PDB file of all heavy atoms in Angstrom:
ATOM      1  N   ILE A   1     -15.342  14.818  60.261  1.00  0.00           N
ATOM      2  CA  ILE A   1     -16.361  14.596  61.284  1.00  0.00           C
ATOM      3  C   ILE A   1     -16.088  13.277  62.000  1.00  0.00           C
ATOM      4  O   ILE A   1     -16.192  13.182  63.226  1.00  0.00           O
ATOM      5  CB  ILE A   1     -17.776  14.607  60.654  1.00  0.00           C
ATOM      6  CG1 ILE A   1     -18.097  15.990  60.114  1.00  0.00           C
ATOM      7  CG2 ILE A   1     -18.826  14.163  61.652  1.00  0.00           C
ATOM      8  CD1 ILE A   1     -19.374  16.051  59.326  1.00  0.00           C
ATOM      9  N   LYS A   2     -15.693  12.247  61.231  1.00  0.00           N
ATOM     10  CA  LYS A   2     -15.391  10.945  61.827  1.00  0.00           C
ATOM     11  C   LYS A   2     -14.215  11.046  62.785  1.00  0.00           C
ATOM     12  O   LYS A   2     -14.242  10.480  63.883  1.00  0.00           O
ATOM     13  CB  LYS A   2     -15.110   9.920  60.732  1.00  0.00           C
ATOM     14  CG  LYS A   2     -14.854   8.534  61.257  1.00  0.00           C
ATOM     15  CD  LYS A   2     -14.625   7.541  60.133  1.00  0.00           C
ATOM     16  CE  LYS A   2     -14.352   6.168  60.734  1.00  0.00           C
ATOM     17  NZ  LYS A   2     -14.066   5.173  59.711  1.00  0.00           N
ATOM     18  N   ALA A   3     -13.196  11.767  62.382  1.00  0.00           N
ATOM     19  CA  ALA A   3     -12.013  11.928  63.244  1.00  0.00           C
ATOM     20  C   ALA A   3     -12.373  12.678  64.524  1.00  0.00           C
ATOM     21  O   ALA A   3     -11.945  12.298  65.627  1.00  0.00           O
ATOM     22  CB  ALA A   3     -10.913  12.657  62.484  1.00  0.00           C
ATOM     23  N   THR A   4     -13.173  13.714  64.414  1.00  0.00           N
ATOM     24  CA  THR A   4     -13.590  14.483  65.586  1.00  0.00           C
ATOM     25  C   THR A   4     -14.450  13.612  66.507  1.00  0.00           C
ATOM     26  O   THR A   4     -14.284  13.654  67.742  1.00  0.00           O
ATOM     27  CB  THR A   4     -14.383  15.728  65.155  1.00  0.00           C
ATOM     28  OG1 THR A   4     -13.604  16.479  64.238  1.00  0.00           O
ATOM     29  CG2 THR A   4     -14.741  16.587  66.350  1.00  0.00           C
ATOM     30  N   PHE A   5     -15.323  12.809  65.941  1.00  0.00           N
ATOM     31  CA  PHE A   5     -16.174  11.919  66.738  1.00  0.00           C
ATOM     32  C   PHE A   5     -15.335  10.890  67.492  1.00  0.00           C
ATOM     33  O   PHE A   5     -15.574  10.620  68.668  1.00  0.00           O
ATOM     34  CB  PHE A   5     -17.195  11.221  65.837  1.00  0.00           C
ATOM     35  CG  PHE A   5     -18.112  10.299  66.573  1.00  0.00           C
ATOM     36  CD1 PHE A   5     -19.234  10.797  67.225  1.00  0.00           C
ATOM     37  CD2 PHE A   5     -17.868   8.932  66.636  1.00  0.00           C
ATOM     38  CE1 PHE A   5     -20.086   9.959  67.912  1.00  0.00           C
ATOM     39  CE2 PHE A   5     -18.710   8.092  67.336  1.00  0.00           C
ATOM     40  CZ  PHE A   5     -19.830   8.597  67.975  1.00  0.00           C
ATOM     41  N   GLU A   6     -14.353  10.302  66.803  1.00  0.00           N
ATOM     42  CA  GLU A   6     -13.511   9.288  67.438  1.00  0.00           C
ATOM     43  C   GLU A   6     -12.652   9.881  68.544  1.00  0.00           C
ATOM     44  O   GLU A   6     -12.335   9.204  69.521  1.00  0.00           O
ATOM     45  CB  GLU A   6     -12.658   8.578  66.393  1.00  0.00           C
ATOM     46  CG  GLU A   6     -13.479   7.653  65.507  1.00  0.00           C
ATOM     47  CD  GLU A   6     -12.673   7.042  64.378  1.00  0.00           C
ATOM     48  OE1 GLU A   6     -11.514   7.468  64.145  1.00  0.00           O
ATOM     49  OE2 GLU A   6     -13.217   6.146  63.713  1.00  0.00           O
ATOM     50  N   GLN A   7     -12.286  11.149  68.406  1.00  0.00           N
ATOM     51  CA  GLN A   7     -11.543  11.813  69.485  1.00  0.00           C
ATOM     52  C   GLN A   7     -12.462  12.078  70.675  1.00  0.00           C
ATOM     53  O   GLN A   7     -12.047  11.910  71.827  1.00  0.00           O
ATOM     54  CB  GLN A   7     -10.965  13.148  69.003  1.00  0.00           C
ATOM     55  CG  GLN A   7      -9.693  13.022  68.227  1.00  0.00           C
ATOM     56  CD  GLN A   7      -9.186  14.398  67.808  1.00  0.00           C
ATOM     57  OE1 GLN A   7      -9.925  15.383  67.857  1.00  0.00           O
ATOM     58  NE2 GLN A   7      -7.935  14.454  67.396  1.00  0.00           N
ATOM     59  N   SER A   8     -13.680  12.484  70.410  1.00  0.00           N
ATOM     60  CA  SER A   8     -14.614  12.837  71.485  1.00  0.00           C
ATOM     61  C   SER A   8     -15.153  11.608  72.204  1.00  0.00           C
ATOM     62  O   SER A   8     -15.264  11.591  73.425  1.00  0.00           O
ATOM     63  CB  SER A   8     -15.789  13.645  70.944  1.00  0.00           C
ATOM     64  OG  SER A   8     -15.329  14.814  70.325  1.00  0.00           O
ATOM     65  N   VAL A   9     -15.517  10.577  71.439  1.00  0.00           N
ATOM     66  CA  VAL A   9     -16.103   9.360  72.001  1.00  0.00           C
ATOM     67  C   VAL A   9     -15.321   8.162  71.446  1.00  0.00           C
ATOM     68  O   VAL A   9     -15.720   7.553  70.471  1.00  0.00           O
ATOM     69  CB  VAL A   9     -17.608   9.253  71.631  1.00  0.00           C
ATOM     70  CG1 VAL A   9     -18.265   8.113  72.372  1.00  0.00           C
ATOM     71  CG2 VAL A   9     -18.342  10.549  71.867  1.00  0.00           C
ATOM     72  N   PRO A  10     -14.213   7.803  72.063  1.00  0.00           N
ATOM     73  CA  PRO A  10     -13.339   6.778  71.475  1.00  0.00           C
ATOM     74  C   PRO A  10     -13.910   5.357  71.507  1.00  0.00           C
ATOM     75  O   PRO A  10     -13.529   4.528  70.696  1.00  0.00           O
ATOM     76  CB  PRO A  10     -12.073   6.865  72.320  1.00  0.00           C
ATOM     77  CG  PRO A  10     -12.469   7.538  73.576  1.00  0.00           C
ATOM     78  CD  PRO A  10     -13.648   8.387  73.264  1.00  0.00           C
ATOM     79  N   ASN A  11     -14.818   5.045  72.404  1.00  0.00           N
ATOM     80  CA  ASN A  11     -15.314   3.671  72.531  1.00  0.00           C
ATOM     81  C   ASN A  11     -16.567   3.397  71.720  1.00  0.00           C
ATOM     82  O   ASN A  11     -17.141   2.316  71.825  1.00  0.00           O
ATOM     83  CB  ASN A  11     -15.594   3.363  74.010  1.00  0.00           C
ATOM     84  CG  ASN A  11     -14.323   3.377  74.830  1.00  0.00           C
ATOM     85  OD1 ASN A  11     -13.248   3.108  74.307  1.00  0.00           O
ATOM     86  ND2 ASN A  11     -14.453   3.702  76.108  1.00  0.00           N
ATOM     87  N   SER A  12     -17.014   4.338  70.924  1.00  0.00           N
ATOM     88  CA  SER A  12     -18.238   4.162  70.131  1.00  0.00           C
ATOM     89  C   SER A  12     -17.913   4.112  68.646  1.00  0.00           C
ATOM     90  O   SER A  12     -16.947   4.722  68.189  1.00  0.00           O
ATOM     91  CB  SER A  12     -19.207   5.316  70.387  1.00  0.00           C
ATOM     92  OG  SER A  12     -19.637   5.317  71.722  1.00  0.00           O
ATOM     93  N   ALA A  13     -18.758   3.374  67.927  1.00  0.00           N
ATOM     94  CA  ALA A  13     -18.596   3.292  66.471  1.00  0.00           C
ATOM     95  C   ALA A  13     -19.252   4.506  65.831  1.00  0.00           C
ATOM     96  O   ALA A  13     -20.305   4.967  66.269  1.00  0.00           O
ATOM     97  CB  ALA A  13     -19.226   2.011  65.946  1.00  0.00           C
ATOM     98  N   PHE A  14     -18.624   4.993  64.785  1.00  0.00           N
ATOM     99  CA  PHE A  14     -19.162   6.144  64.063  1.00  0.00           C
ATOM    100  C   PHE A  14     -20.127   5.636  63.001  1.00  0.00           C
ATOM    101  O   PHE A  14     -19.726   5.039  62.008  1.00  0.00           O
ATOM    102  CB  PHE A  14     -18.013   6.936  63.425  1.00  0.00           C
ATOM    103  CG  PHE A  14     -18.479   8.133  62.651  1.00  0.00           C
ATOM    104  CD1 PHE A  14     -19.049   9.209  63.292  1.00  0.00           C
ATOM    105  CD2 PHE A  14     -18.338   8.184  61.266  1.00  0.00           C
ATOM    106  CE1 PHE A  14     -19.475  10.321  62.585  1.00  0.00           C
ATOM    107  CE2 PHE A  14     -18.763   9.287  60.551  1.00  0.00           C
ATOM    108  CZ  PHE A  14     -19.324  10.356  61.218  1.00  0.00           C
ATOM    109  N   GLU A  15     -21.433   5.849  63.242  1.00  0.00           N
ATOM    110  CA  GLU A  15     -22.479   5.463  62.296  1.00  0.00           C
ATOM    111  C   GLU A  15     -23.267   6.700  61.925  1.00  0.00           C
ATOM    112  O   GLU A  15     -23.606   7.502  62.789  1.00  0.00           O
ATOM    113  CB  GLU A  15     -23.413   4.425  62.924  1.00  0.00           C
ATOM    114  CG  GLU A  15     -22.723   3.121  63.250  1.00  0.00           C
ATOM    115  CD  GLU A  15     -23.662   2.144  63.943  1.00  0.00           C
ATOM    116  OE1 GLU A  15     -24.874   2.437  64.043  1.00  0.00           O
ATOM    117  OE2 GLU A  15     -23.185   1.101  64.393  1.00  0.00           O
ATOM    118  N   TYR A  16     -23.573   6.827  60.667  1.00  0.00           N
ATOM    119  CA  TYR A  16     -24.288   8.018  60.228  1.00  0.00           C
ATOM    120  C   TYR A  16     -25.302   7.658  59.149  1.00  0.00           C
ATOM    121  O   TYR A  16     -25.170   6.633  58.478  1.00  0.00           O
ATOM    122  CB  TYR A  16     -23.316   9.074  59.694  1.00  0.00           C
ATOM    123  CG  TYR A  16     -22.573   8.633  58.450  1.00  0.00           C
ATOM    124  CD1 TYR A  16     -23.070   8.922  57.189  1.00  0.00           C
ATOM    125  CD2 TYR A  16     -21.382   7.921  58.537  1.00  0.00           C
ATOM    126  CE1 TYR A  16     -22.402   8.520  56.052  1.00  0.00           C
ATOM    127  CE2 TYR A  16     -20.714   7.514  57.408  1.00  0.00           C
ATOM    128  CZ  TYR A  16     -21.217   7.816  56.176  1.00  0.00           C
ATOM    129  OH  TYR A  16     -20.570   7.411  55.046  1.00  0.00           O
ATOM    130  N   THR A  17     -26.309   8.480  59.042  1.00  0.00           N
ATOM    131  CA  THR A  17     -27.289   8.392  57.963  1.00  0.00           C
ATOM    132  C   THR A  17     -27.622   9.809  57.527  1.00  0.00           C
ATOM    133  O   THR A  17     -27.438  10.767  58.282  1.00  0.00           O
ATOM    134  CB  THR A  17     -28.594   7.702  58.415  1.00  0.00           C
ATOM    135  OG1 THR A  17     -29.143   8.427  59.503  1.00  0.00           O
ATOM    136  CG2 THR A  17     -28.375   6.256  58.808  1.00  0.00           C
ATOM    137  N   PHE A  18     -28.105   9.917  56.329  1.00  0.00           N
ATOM    138  CA  PHE A  18     -28.492  11.218  55.809  1.00  0.00           C
ATOM    139  C   PHE A  18     -29.980  11.439  56.075  1.00  0.00           C
ATOM    140  O   PHE A  18     -30.785  10.512  56.007  1.00  0.00           O
ATOM    141  CB  PHE A  18     -28.199  11.323  54.306  1.00  0.00           C
ATOM    142  CG  PHE A  18     -26.722  11.308  54.015  1.00  0.00           C
ATOM    143  CD1 PHE A  18     -26.112  10.175  53.505  1.00  0.00           C
ATOM    144  CD2 PHE A  18     -25.957  12.425  54.271  1.00  0.00           C
ATOM    145  CE1 PHE A  18     -24.761  10.163  53.243  1.00  0.00           C
ATOM    146  CE2 PHE A  18     -24.596  12.418  54.011  1.00  0.00           C
ATOM    147  CZ  PHE A  18     -23.991  11.280  53.504  1.00  0.00           C
ATOM    148  N   ILE A  19     -30.337  12.658  56.358  1.00  0.00           N
ATOM    149  CA  ILE A  19     -31.708  12.987  56.724  1.00  0.00           C
ATOM    150  C   ILE A  19     -32.689  12.712  55.575  1.00  0.00           C
ATOM    151  O   ILE A  19     -33.814  12.283  55.808  1.00  0.00           O
ATOM    152  CB  ILE A  19     -31.821  14.445  57.221  1.00  0.00           C
ATOM    153  CG1 ILE A  19     -33.194  14.712  57.854  1.00  0.00           C
ATOM    154  CG2 ILE A  19     -31.604  15.429  56.101  1.00  0.00           C
ATOM    155  CD1 ILE A  19     -33.352  14.084  59.187  1.00  0.00           C
ATOM    156  N   ASP A  20     -32.235  12.920  54.333  1.00  0.00           N
ATOM    157  CA  ASP A  20     -33.142  12.664  53.213  1.00  0.00           C
ATOM    158  C   ASP A  20     -33.475  11.178  53.085  1.00  0.00           C
ATOM    159  O   ASP A  20     -34.585  10.811  52.724  1.00  0.00           O
ATOM    160  CB  ASP A  20     -32.592  13.232  51.910  1.00  0.00           C
ATOM    161  CG  ASP A  20     -31.274  12.603  51.495  1.00  0.00           C
ATOM    162  OD1 ASP A  20     -30.544  12.112  52.378  1.00  0.00           O
ATOM    163  OD2 ASP A  20     -30.972  12.611  50.285  1.00  0.00           O
ATOM    164  N   GLU A  21     -32.506  10.303  53.440  1.00  0.00           N
ATOM    165  CA  GLU A  21     -32.791   8.867  53.418  1.00  0.00           C
ATOM    166  C   GLU A  21     -33.769   8.494  54.526  1.00  0.00           C
ATOM    167  O   GLU A  21     -34.663   7.662  54.329  1.00  0.00           O
ATOM    168  CB  GLU A  21     -31.494   8.072  53.572  1.00  0.00           C
ATOM    169  CG  GLU A  21     -30.546   8.207  52.403  1.00  0.00           C
ATOM    170  CD  GLU A  21     -29.182   7.587  52.688  1.00  0.00           C
ATOM    171  OE1 GLU A  21     -28.931   7.171  53.848  1.00  0.00           O
ATOM    172  OE2 GLU A  21     -28.369   7.531  51.751  1.00  0.00           O
ATOM    173  N   ASN A  22     -33.611   9.100  55.691  1.00  0.00           N
ATOM    174  CA  ASN A  22     -34.541   8.841  56.786  1.00  0.00           C
ATOM    175  C   ASN A  22     -35.953   9.295  56.429  1.00  0.00           C
ATOM    176  O   ASN A  22     -36.929   8.586  56.674  1.00  0.00           O
ATOM    177  CB  ASN A  22     -34.092   9.551  58.070  1.00  0.00           C
ATOM    178  CG  ASN A  22     -32.868   8.920  58.671  1.00  0.00           C
ATOM    179  OD1 ASN A  22     -32.505   7.802  58.315  1.00  0.00           O
ATOM    180  ND2 ASN A  22     -32.221   9.627  59.572  1.00  0.00           N
ATOM    181  N   LEU A  23     -36.072  10.495  55.866  1.00  0.00           N
ATOM    182  CA  LEU A  23     -37.390  11.001  55.478  1.00  0.00           C
ATOM    183  C   LEU A  23     -38.014  10.153  54.369  1.00  0.00           C
ATOM    184  O   LEU A  23     -39.218   9.898  54.378  1.00  0.00           O
ATOM    185  CB  LEU A  23     -37.286  12.458  55.035  1.00  0.00           C
ATOM    186  CG  LEU A  23     -37.015  13.464  56.147  1.00  0.00           C
ATOM    187  CD1 LEU A  23     -36.792  14.845  55.573  1.00  0.00           C
ATOM    188  CD2 LEU A  23     -38.159  13.475  57.142  1.00  0.00           C
ATOM    189  N   GLU A  24     -37.171   9.719  53.430  1.00  0.00           N
ATOM    190  CA  GLU A  24     -37.689   8.890  52.344  1.00  0.00           C
ATOM    191  C   GLU A  24     -38.230   7.569  52.872  1.00  0.00           C
ATOM    192  O   GLU A  24     -39.307   7.125  52.463  1.00  0.00           O
ATOM    193  CB  GLU A  24     -36.598   8.623  51.315  1.00  0.00           C
ATOM    194  CG  GLU A  24     -37.087   7.814  50.126  1.00  0.00           C
ATOM    195  CD  GLU A  24     -35.977   7.545  49.128  1.00  0.00           C
ATOM    196  OE1 GLU A  24     -34.965   8.265  49.129  1.00  0.00           O
ATOM    197  OE2 GLU A  24     -36.141   6.598  48.347  1.00  0.00           O
ATOM    198  N   SER A  25     -37.528   6.937  53.800  1.00  0.00           N
ATOM    199  CA  SER A  25     -38.022   5.668  54.352  1.00  0.00           C
ATOM    200  C   SER A  25     -39.295   5.892  55.163  1.00  0.00           C
ATOM    201  O   SER A  25     -40.199   5.057  55.159  1.00  0.00           O
ATOM    202  CB  SER A  25     -36.952   4.995  55.209  1.00  0.00           C
ATOM    203  OG  SER A  25     -36.706   5.743  56.377  1.00  0.00           O
TER     204      SER A  25
END
């Protein structure tokens, strides 16, 4: 997923979070 993201949007940093962590917070 990171490789695909970097190919699609090369000037952006790949940051991710999991939905369960978001819901928990």
